[in-house]
Protein backbone atom coordinates (compact mmCIF):
# COMPACT_ATOMS: atom_id res chain seq x y z
CA UNK A 1 72.50 127.22 101.20
CA UNK A 2 73.34 126.73 97.41
CA UNK A 3 77.00 126.23 97.60
CA UNK A 4 77.01 123.72 100.20
CA UNK A 5 74.41 121.25 97.88
CA UNK A 6 76.78 121.92 94.67
CA UNK A 7 80.15 121.41 97.19
CA UNK A 8 78.55 117.95 97.89
CA UNK A 9 77.12 116.90 94.74
CA UNK A 10 81.29 117.86 93.39
CA UNK A 11 82.42 115.69 95.83
CA UNK A 12 80.18 112.80 95.12
CA UNK A 13 80.74 113.19 91.22
CA UNK A 14 84.79 113.22 91.92
CA UNK A 15 84.11 109.88 94.57
CA UNK A 16 82.27 108.07 91.55
CA UNK A 17 85.07 109.12 88.80
CA UNK A 18 87.75 107.76 91.05
CA UNK A 19 85.92 104.72 91.92
CA UNK A 20 85.23 104.18 88.13
CA UNK A 21 88.60 104.94 87.30
CA UNK A 22 89.70 102.39 90.03
CA UNK A 23 87.78 99.72 89.11
CA UNK A 24 89.49 100.42 84.97
CA UNK A 25 92.96 99.99 86.20
CA UNK A 26 92.37 96.66 88.24
CA UNK A 27 91.03 94.90 84.77
CA UNK A 28 93.36 91.93 83.71
CA UNK A 29 94.63 91.86 79.94
CA UNK A 30 93.34 89.43 78.25
CA UNK A 31 95.39 86.49 77.45
CA UNK A 32 96.34 85.60 73.62
CA UNK A 33 93.67 83.00 72.05
CA UNK A 34 95.69 79.86 70.49
CA UNK A 35 95.63 76.63 69.23
CA UNK A 36 96.84 73.51 69.34
CA UNK A 37 98.84 71.85 66.98
CA UNK A 38 101.55 69.24 66.78
CA UNK A 39 104.79 71.95 66.45
CA UNK A 40 103.93 74.09 69.72
CA UNK A 41 102.23 70.98 71.54
CA UNK A 42 104.92 69.93 74.62
CA UNK A 43 103.73 66.26 76.40
CA UNK A 44 102.90 65.51 79.88
CA UNK A 45 105.61 63.21 81.52
CA UNK A 46 105.31 60.83 84.37
CA UNK A 47 104.84 60.93 86.79
CA UNK A 48 101.99 63.41 87.10
CA UNK A 49 102.21 66.23 89.41
CA UNK A 50 100.13 65.61 92.52
CA UNK A 51 100.92 69.28 94.02
CA UNK A 52 100.67 72.07 91.70
CA UNK A 53 102.12 76.33 92.34
CA UNK A 54 99.36 79.20 92.22
CA UNK A 55 100.64 80.67 89.29
CA UNK A 56 98.36 82.34 86.44
CA UNK A 57 99.72 81.87 83.33
CA UNK A 58 97.42 79.78 80.50
CA UNK A 59 97.72 77.08 78.91
CA UNK A 60 95.86 75.33 76.21
CA UNK A 61 95.73 71.46 76.81
CA UNK A 62 94.35 68.42 75.01
CA UNK A 63 92.43 65.88 76.73
CA UNK A 64 91.06 62.69 75.77
CA UNK A 65 87.35 61.89 76.48
CA UNK A 66 84.79 59.01 76.15
CA UNK A 67 82.69 60.21 73.27
CA UNK A 68 80.15 57.21 71.93
CA UNK A 69 80.21 57.70 68.37
CA UNK A 70 77.43 57.45 65.86
CA UNK A 71 79.51 59.19 62.82
CA UNK A 72 82.91 58.78 61.80
CA UNK A 73 84.97 60.55 62.14
CA UNK A 74 85.05 60.28 66.35
CA UNK A 75 87.21 63.10 67.71
CA UNK A 76 88.02 61.84 71.26
CA UNK A 77 89.83 64.61 71.92
CA UNK A 78 88.84 68.15 73.94
CA UNK A 79 91.31 71.43 74.44
CA UNK A 80 90.61 72.73 77.49
CA UNK A 81 92.04 76.50 78.95
CA UNK A 82 93.73 75.26 82.50
CA UNK A 83 95.83 78.06 84.76
CA UNK A 84 99.23 76.61 83.59
CA UNK A 85 100.95 74.11 82.64
CA UNK A 86 101.17 72.03 86.35
CA UNK A 87 97.28 71.77 86.79
CA UNK A 88 97.16 70.93 82.78
CA UNK A 89 99.51 67.89 83.49
CA UNK A 90 97.87 66.84 87.05
CA UNK A 91 95.32 65.49 84.48
CA UNK A 92 95.56 62.32 83.86
CA UNK A 93 93.48 62.75 81.25
CA UNK A 94 95.35 65.50 79.39
CA UNK A 95 97.84 64.47 76.65
CA UNK A 96 99.62 67.61 76.12
CA UNK A 97 99.68 71.31 76.43
CA UNK A 98 100.68 74.51 73.98
CA UNK A 99 102.08 77.59 76.47
CA UNK A 100 100.88 80.54 75.71
CA UNK A 101 97.76 81.67 76.17
CA UNK A 102 93.90 80.12 76.05
CA UNK A 103 92.45 78.00 73.93
CA UNK A 104 90.56 79.54 70.96
């Protein structure tokens, strides 16, 4: 009877170890972070896309935002990560983007 309980414990531990290793293999590598500058900014072209592909190739986009300023200087732009360049440029607030990773 004792060997049965130890065999069962070994089986459970093996299944746990296998599930843990399987979870680690499913983790995606972290995308690099980038900062948009004038040298790496790609402007969105007109007409803007209405339908986009579903590929994850993150870009850091620059968007115009409406801000109420009380003190100068007022920044009316923000950086936002989009899944790809098409999805970034389909947002009419986006001025341009830098490819190669997520916003820092």
